[in-house]
Amino acid sequence: MMVLSISAAKLQRPMARTRLLVSCGTALPRPQRITAAKKCMRSLSLVRAQWPPLLLGADKCRTELFAARCPKAYPDRFVTFTEPWWERINEPGYSQFQADQIARAHEAGARGLKILKTLGLYLRERISEGPLVKVDDRRFDPMWEACGSLNMPVAIHVSDPEAFFLPIDRFNERFEELNEHPDWSFYRGDFPSNAEILEARNRVLARHPKTQFIMLHVGNNAENLTYVAECIDRFPNMHVEIAARIGELGRQLRSARKFFDKYQDRIMFGTDASPNGKDTPQQLFNDQMYEIYFRFLETEDEYFDYAPSRLPPQGRWRIYGLGLPDGILKKVYYENAARLLQINLSPVS
């Protein structure tokens, strides 16, 4: 599950300042999500809440339950995004059923739709068997249209880094990561290329111009900002967030700085952090992770670790700070997300 958190954060270091954050992306494990949400909130020793975290990704049929229970645990601290009901894709009338479910979730309190890479890399015609279902499959058109008509943004993650689609050999810059997690590789089998998945996604954007799409993880192509920029220029309904991609952004300093300057109205803050797990230390929910994000965005520091880990988890490189001005930081930290999600916020003084 992904969490959009709205918080005032203060760093206990020379660059200390209070920040209002709308963070697109904190992963809560599916089992016992209410408990995980509470643990997530307790872990926010660095982020001092002034505005409520917004929770994205409640399961289709559990949207009502989650939306009802979270306010009881933390009044006014959660807003849910729903997910599609993939298991019914082969049932007669699925397209209209799914569109109706979006409307039902909206009535129950959902503010948007979350698409995991189930679509594009895992969902098959017989759920787990048969050909992969393409991202631009026409069966989902009513779902995209329903989101547009209800002003529900779609937070979408349909692919992974380019290295995950290449052979796991000495030429792969993320060899150690993939050697440790071979199941993360999409090189063999009938998987499409990263480029094919992204082009299918782009066809969805083109067909549904009234629906707003938040492309998670810098559009699933943080290594190629030229391509991401071309997509943003082409599609006015496309936005990006930076969760779990500062490792890629921070090693292309000049390109990333120009990207943030040009698209400052279309970029959102995110971490993809989880309160549990050690497989991805760059996404482990703790103070050190937030410090690295703030250091990357706010300072001009050079050659520092992109994760609070003894060994670099994604590749053996370090990153450089962008040193963004306050005007851009405010947009990335909260203004862009607040505008898209129609959240009424007051800046932190």
Protein backbone atom coordinates (compact mmCIF):
# COMPACT_ATOMS: atom_id res chain seq x y z
CA MET A 1 0.00 0.00 0.00
CA MET A 2 1.15 3.52 -0.69
CA VAL A 3 0.68 6.41 1.70
CA LEU A 4 0.42 10.06 0.82
CA SER A 5 1.47 11.78 4.01
CA ILE A 6 0.91 15.44 4.77
CA SER A 7 3.15 16.48 7.61
CA ALA A 8 5.30 19.22 9.02
CA ALA A 9 8.83 17.86 9.28
CA LYS A 10 11.82 19.20 11.17
CA LEU A 11 15.39 17.97 10.76
CA GLN A 12 17.67 17.99 13.80
CA ARG A 13 20.79 19.09 11.90
CA PRO A 14 22.33 22.33 10.55
CA MET A 15 19.84 22.39 7.66
CA ALA A 16 16.94 22.10 10.13
CA ARG A 17 13.72 23.68 8.97
CA THR A 18 10.02 22.96 9.23
CA ARG A 19 8.47 21.53 6.07
CA LEU A 20 4.93 20.86 5.01
CA LEU A 21 5.04 17.57 3.08
CA VAL A 22 2.57 15.73 0.90
CA SER A 23 4.44 12.47 0.38
CA CYS A 24 3.14 10.26 -2.42
CA GLY A 25 4.22 6.83 -1.43
CA THR A 26 4.63 4.96 1.81
CA ALA A 27 4.09 1.24 1.38
CA LEU A 28 1.87 -0.45 3.95
CA PRO A 29 1.75 -4.26 3.84
CA ARG A 30 -1.58 -5.72 2.80
CA PRO A 31 -2.20 -7.84 5.91
CA GLN A 32 -3.46 -5.81 8.88
CA ARG A 33 -3.21 -2.45 7.11
CA ILE A 34 -4.92 -0.59 9.93
CA THR A 35 -2.26 -1.86 12.32
CA ALA A 36 0.45 -1.01 9.79
CA ALA A 37 -0.95 2.49 9.42
CA LYS A 38 -0.73 2.97 13.19
CA LYS A 39 2.84 1.71 13.20
CA CYS A 40 3.64 4.05 10.33
CA MET A 41 2.31 6.98 12.34
CA ARG A 42 4.29 6.00 15.43
CA SER A 43 7.44 5.83 13.29
CA LEU A 44 7.13 9.49 12.32
CA SER A 45 9.58 10.74 14.92
CA LEU A 46 11.09 12.96 12.23
CA VAL A 47 7.87 14.05 10.56
CA ARG A 48 5.77 16.03 13.03
CA ALA A 49 2.26 15.92 11.71
CA GLN A 50 0.53 19.20 11.12
CA TRP A 51 -1.59 17.84 8.27
CA PRO A 52 -2.94 14.31 7.91
CA PRO A 53 -1.26 11.48 5.98
CA LEU A 54 -3.30 10.40 2.98
CA LEU A 55 -3.39 6.67 2.45
CA LEU A 56 -3.38 5.31 -1.10
CA GLY A 57 -4.21 1.81 -2.21
CA ALA A 58 -6.96 0.20 -0.17
CA ASP A 59 -8.15 -3.06 -1.73
CA LYS A 60 -11.16 -2.69 -4.03
CA CYS A 61 -13.77 -4.31 -1.79
CA ARG A 62 -12.14 -3.10 1.45
CA THR A 63 -12.26 0.59 0.61
CA GLU A 64 -15.37 1.10 2.72
CA LEU A 65 -13.85 -0.76 5.70
CA PHE A 66 -10.56 1.08 5.54
CA ALA A 67 -12.16 4.48 4.98
CA ALA A 68 -14.44 3.86 7.94
CA ARG A 69 -11.84 2.58 10.39
CA CYS A 70 -8.85 4.87 9.78
CA PRO A 71 -10.64 8.05 10.87
CA LYS A 72 -11.49 6.34 14.14
CA ALA A 73 -7.83 5.58 14.78
CA TYR A 74 -6.55 8.94 13.52
CA PRO A 75 -9.32 11.49 12.91
CA ASP A 76 -8.83 13.40 9.66
CA ARG A 77 -5.51 11.72 8.95
CA PHE A 78 -6.29 9.36 6.08
CA VAL A 79 -7.75 9.50 2.61
CA THR A 80 -7.91 6.28 0.61
CA PHE A 81 -7.19 5.42 -3.00
CA THR A 82 -8.86 2.27 -4.29
CA GLU A 83 -7.48 -0.50 -6.51
CA PRO A 84 -9.07 -2.41 -9.43
CA TRP A 85 -10.74 -5.77 -9.04
CA TRP A 86 -8.37 -7.70 -11.32
CA GLU A 87 -9.78 -11.10 -10.36
CA ARG A 88 -13.01 -10.41 -12.27
CA ILE A 89 -11.42 -9.38 -15.56
CA ASN A 90 -12.84 -12.39 -17.41
CA GLU A 91 -16.38 -12.04 -16.11
CA PRO A 92 -19.09 -10.79 -18.49
CA GLY A 93 -19.61 -7.05 -18.21
CA TYR A 94 -16.32 -6.52 -16.37
CA SER A 95 -15.62 -3.13 -17.95
CA GLN A 96 -18.83 -1.57 -16.67
CA PHE A 97 -18.54 -3.44 -13.37
CA GLN A 98 -15.11 -1.95 -12.77
CA ALA A 99 -16.28 1.55 -13.68
CA ASP A 100 -19.19 1.13 -11.25
CA GLN A 101 -16.77 -0.01 -8.56
CA ILE A 102 -14.77 3.19 -9.01
CA ALA A 103 -17.96 5.20 -8.44
CA ARG A 104 -18.81 3.05 -5.41
CA ALA A 105 -15.33 3.54 -3.95
CA HIS A 106 -15.64 7.27 -4.53
CA GLU A 107 -18.90 7.33 -2.61
CA ALA A 108 -17.18 5.40 0.20
CA GLY A 109 -14.47 8.05 0.45
CA ALA A 110 -11.76 7.02 -2.03
CA ARG A 111 -9.98 9.99 -3.59
CA GLY A 112 -8.20 8.22 -6.43
CA LEU A 113 -7.14 4.95 -8.06
CA LYS A 114 -3.86 3.12 -7.46
CA ILE A 115 -2.43 0.89 -10.20
CA LEU A 116 0.40 -1.45 -9.25
CA LYS A 117 2.60 -3.22 -11.80
CA THR A 118 0.14 -6.09 -11.57
CA LEU A 119 -1.06 -4.47 -14.78
CA GLY A 120 1.67 -4.87 -17.37
CA LEU A 121 3.89 -7.46 -15.67
CA TYR A 122 1.74 -9.93 -13.71
CA LEU A 123 -1.94 -9.93 -14.67
CA ARG A 124 -2.69 -12.56 -17.33
CA GLU A 125 -5.79 -13.43 -19.31
CA ARG A 126 -6.62 -16.24 -16.89
CA ILE A 127 -5.37 -14.18 -13.94
CA SER A 128 -2.12 -16.13 -13.43
CA GLU A 129 -2.02 -18.05 -16.71
CA GLY A 130 -2.11 -17.19 -20.39
CA PRO A 131 -0.83 -14.06 -22.15
CA LEU A 132 -0.09 -10.94 -20.16
CA VAL A 133 -2.84 -8.33 -20.20
CA LYS A 134 -1.56 -5.14 -21.84
CA VAL A 135 -1.66 -1.82 -20.03
CA ASP A 136 -3.75 -0.27 -22.80
CA ASP A 137 -6.30 -3.08 -22.92
CA ARG A 138 -9.64 -1.59 -23.95
CA ARG A 139 -11.45 -3.37 -21.12
CA PHE A 140 -10.10 -0.73 -18.76
CA ASP A 141 -11.24 2.30 -20.76
CA PRO A 142 -14.46 2.79 -18.73
CA MET A 143 -12.40 2.64 -15.53
CA TRP A 144 -10.04 5.39 -16.70
CA GLU A 145 -13.00 7.47 -17.85
CA ALA A 146 -14.78 7.01 -14.52
CA CYS A 147 -11.73 8.35 -12.71
CA GLY A 148 -11.69 11.39 -14.96
CA SER A 149 -15.38 12.14 -14.52
CA LEU A 150 -15.09 11.85 -10.73
CA ASN A 151 -11.85 13.90 -10.51
CA MET A 152 -10.01 10.91 -9.07
CA PRO A 153 -6.31 10.95 -10.03
CA VAL A 154 -4.73 7.66 -11.06
CA ALA A 155 -1.43 6.86 -9.30
CA ILE A 156 0.14 4.35 -11.68
CA HIS A 157 3.21 2.09 -11.54
CA VAL A 158 3.39 -0.32 -14.47
CA SER A 159 7.10 -0.99 -14.96
CA ASP A 160 10.49 -1.11 -13.26
CA PRO A 161 14.02 0.21 -13.87
CA GLU A 162 15.53 -0.54 -17.27
CA ALA A 163 18.16 -2.77 -15.65
CA PHE A 164 15.42 -5.18 -14.56
CA PHE A 165 14.75 -5.96 -18.22
CA LEU A 166 18.37 -6.70 -19.09
CA PRO A 167 20.50 -9.85 -18.55
CA ILE A 168 21.76 -10.31 -14.99
CA ASP A 169 25.44 -10.26 -15.85
CA ARG A 170 28.57 -8.19 -15.24
CA PHE A 171 27.31 -5.52 -17.64
CA ASN A 172 24.16 -4.86 -15.61
CA GLU A 173 24.79 -1.91 -13.26
CA ARG A 174 22.33 -3.40 -10.74
CA PHE A 175 23.83 -6.89 -10.89
CA GLU A 176 24.20 -7.28 -7.12
CA GLU A 177 20.62 -6.22 -6.45
CA LEU A 178 19.20 -8.55 -9.10
CA ASN A 179 21.51 -11.38 -8.11
CA GLU A 180 20.11 -11.03 -4.59
CA HIS A 181 16.52 -10.78 -5.90
CA PRO A 182 16.35 -12.70 -9.20
CA ASP A 183 12.56 -12.68 -9.04
CA TRP A 184 12.71 -8.94 -9.69
CA SER A 185 14.07 -9.58 -13.19
CA PHE A 186 11.79 -9.41 -16.24
CA TYR A 187 14.48 -10.31 -18.76
CA ARG A 188 13.33 -13.79 -19.74
CA GLY A 189 9.95 -15.31 -20.44
CA ASP A 190 7.19 -13.50 -22.28
CA PHE A 191 7.64 -10.15 -20.57
CA PRO A 192 7.50 -7.09 -22.82
CA SER A 193 10.36 -4.62 -22.79
CA ASN A 194 10.26 -1.57 -20.56
CA ALA A 195 9.81 0.60 -23.67
CA GLU A 196 6.79 -1.44 -24.81
CA ILE A 197 5.10 -1.11 -21.42
CA LEU A 198 5.67 2.64 -21.27
CA GLU A 199 4.37 3.17 -24.81
CA ALA A 200 1.21 1.20 -23.94
CA ARG A 201 0.83 3.42 -20.88
CA ASN A 202 1.22 6.49 -23.09
CA ARG A 203 -1.62 5.30 -25.30
CA VAL A 204 -3.83 5.26 -22.21
CA LEU A 205 -2.89 8.86 -21.45
CA ALA A 206 -3.65 9.88 -25.01
CA ARG A 207 -7.07 8.18 -25.01
CA HIS A 208 -8.13 9.72 -21.68
CA PRO A 209 -7.00 13.36 -21.65
CA LYS A 210 -9.53 14.34 -18.96
CA THR A 211 -8.09 11.84 -16.47
CA GLN A 212 -5.11 12.96 -14.39
CA PHE A 213 -2.30 10.41 -14.03
CA ILE A 214 0.43 10.47 -11.39
CA MET A 215 3.33 8.49 -12.87
CA LEU A 216 5.02 6.97 -9.85
CA HIS A 217 8.80 6.61 -9.61
CA VAL A 218 9.52 9.42 -12.09
CA GLY A 219 7.37 7.82 -14.74
CA ASN A 220 9.11 4.43 -14.28
CA ASN A 221 12.05 5.77 -16.27
CA ALA A 222 14.15 7.94 -13.95
CA GLU A 223 17.29 6.84 -15.77
CA ASN A 224 16.05 8.54 -18.94
CA LEU A 225 14.84 12.02 -18.04
CA THR A 226 14.85 13.05 -21.69
CA TYR A 227 12.11 10.49 -22.39
CA VAL A 228 10.13 11.44 -19.27
CA ALA A 229 10.32 15.10 -20.29
CA GLU A 230 9.05 14.26 -23.77
CA CYS A 231 6.07 12.47 -22.21
CA ILE A 232 5.27 15.38 -19.88
CA ASP A 233 5.42 17.78 -22.83
CA ARG A 234 3.15 15.52 -24.84
CA PHE A 235 0.56 14.78 -22.14
CA PRO A 236 -0.84 17.68 -20.07
CA ASN A 237 -2.55 15.11 -17.84
CA MET A 238 0.75 13.54 -16.73
CA HIS A 239 2.44 14.22 -13.39
CA VAL A 240 5.39 12.43 -11.75
CA GLU A 241 6.60 11.73 -8.23
CA ILE A 242 10.10 10.82 -7.09
CA ALA A 243 9.59 7.88 -4.68
CA ALA A 244 12.52 5.43 -4.49
CA ARG A 245 14.29 7.12 -7.41
CA ILE A 246 16.66 9.66 -5.88
CA GLY A 247 19.41 7.10 -6.49
CA GLU A 248 18.89 7.61 -10.22
CA LEU A 249 18.10 11.33 -10.10
CA GLY A 250 21.04 12.22 -7.88
CA ARG A 251 23.70 10.83 -10.18
CA GLN A 252 22.59 12.98 -13.14
CA LEU A 253 22.84 16.31 -11.36
CA ARG A 254 22.64 18.76 -14.24
CA SER A 255 19.86 16.94 -16.06
CA ALA A 256 17.83 16.46 -12.87
CA ARG A 257 18.24 20.09 -11.84
CA LYS A 258 16.97 21.28 -15.23
CA PHE A 259 14.13 18.75 -15.04
CA PHE A 260 12.94 20.05 -11.67
CA ASP A 261 13.21 23.64 -12.85
CA LYS A 262 11.21 23.09 -16.05
CA TYR A 263 8.57 20.77 -14.61
CA GLN A 264 8.31 22.20 -11.10
CA ASP A 265 4.51 22.31 -11.40
CA ARG A 266 4.26 18.61 -12.30
CA ILE A 267 6.58 16.91 -9.78
CA MET A 268 5.54 15.53 -6.37
CA PHE A 269 7.42 14.30 -3.35
CA GLY A 270 7.36 10.59 -2.45
CA THR A 271 9.43 7.89 -0.75
CA ASP A 272 7.68 4.51 -1.27
CA ALA A 273 8.74 3.80 2.30
CA SER A 274 7.50 0.88 4.36
CA PRO A 275 7.50 0.48 8.15
CA ASN A 276 8.70 -3.11 7.73
CA GLY A 277 11.31 -5.02 5.77
CA LYS A 278 15.06 -4.86 5.14
CA ASP A 279 15.24 -5.92 1.48
CA THR A 280 15.02 -2.30 0.35
CA PRO A 281 16.85 -0.13 2.91
CA GLN A 282 16.41 2.91 0.67
CA GLN A 283 12.68 2.56 1.37
CA LEU A 284 12.74 1.69 5.07
CA PHE A 285 10.62 4.17 7.00
CA ASN A 286 12.97 6.03 9.38
CA ASP A 287 14.52 9.41 10.13
CA GLN A 288 17.67 8.69 8.14
CA MET A 289 15.69 8.05 4.96
CA TYR A 290 13.95 11.43 5.21
CA GLU A 291 17.25 13.19 5.91
CA ILE A 292 18.68 11.82 2.66
CA TYR A 293 15.65 13.01 0.66
CA PHE A 294 15.87 16.48 2.19
CA ARG A 295 19.62 16.58 1.63
CA PHE A 296 19.17 15.61 -2.02
CA LEU A 297 16.48 18.20 -2.69
CA GLU A 298 17.68 21.11 -0.54
CA THR A 299 21.48 21.09 -0.42
CA GLU A 300 24.33 21.18 -2.88
CA ASP A 301 26.22 18.48 -0.99
CA GLU A 302 28.30 16.16 -3.13
CA TYR A 303 28.82 12.43 -3.33
CA PHE A 304 26.70 11.09 -0.47
CA ASP A 305 24.80 7.83 0.04
CA TYR A 306 21.28 7.57 -1.38
CA ALA A 307 20.21 5.03 1.27
CA PRO A 308 20.86 4.53 5.00
CA SER A 309 22.69 1.29 4.35
CA ARG A 310 26.23 -0.04 4.75
CA LEU A 311 26.16 -1.26 1.15
CA PRO A 312 24.41 0.65 -1.65
CA PRO A 313 21.25 -1.40 -2.33
CA GLN A 314 20.64 -0.45 -5.97
CA GLY A 315 24.08 0.13 -7.44
CA ARG A 316 27.57 1.18 -6.43
CA TRP A 317 27.33 4.91 -6.86
CA ARG A 318 26.55 7.99 -4.78
CA ILE A 319 24.46 11.08 -5.44
CA TYR A 320 24.65 14.88 -5.47
CA GLY A 321 22.25 17.45 -4.02
CA LEU A 322 20.08 19.60 -6.28
CA GLY A 323 19.95 22.68 -4.04
CA LEU A 324 16.42 23.63 -5.14
CA PRO A 325 15.12 27.10 -4.22
CA ASP A 326 12.25 27.45 -1.75
CA GLY A 327 9.70 28.21 -4.47
CA ILE A 328 10.29 24.87 -6.19
CA LEU A 329 10.58 22.99 -2.90
CA LYS A 330 7.13 24.16 -1.81
CA LYS A 331 5.63 22.94 -5.07
CA VAL A 332 7.35 19.55 -4.88
CA TYR A 333 6.75 19.08 -1.17
CA TYR A 334 3.05 19.92 -1.07
CA GLU A 335 1.55 22.48 -3.44
CA ASN A 336 1.36 20.29 -6.56
CA ALA A 337 -0.18 17.33 -4.75
CA ALA A 338 -2.58 19.55 -2.83
CA ARG A 339 -3.79 21.11 -6.07
CA LEU A 340 -4.23 17.78 -7.85
CA LEU A 341 -5.97 16.12 -4.91
CA GLN A 342 -7.97 19.23 -4.03
CA ILE A 343 -6.59 19.39 -0.50
CA ASN A 344 -6.88 22.66 1.41
CA LEU A 345 -3.50 23.33 3.01
CA SER A 346 -1.91 26.20 4.88
CA PRO A 347 1.88 26.63 4.53
CA VAL A 348 4.07 26.03 7.54
CA SER A 349 5.61 29.22 8.91
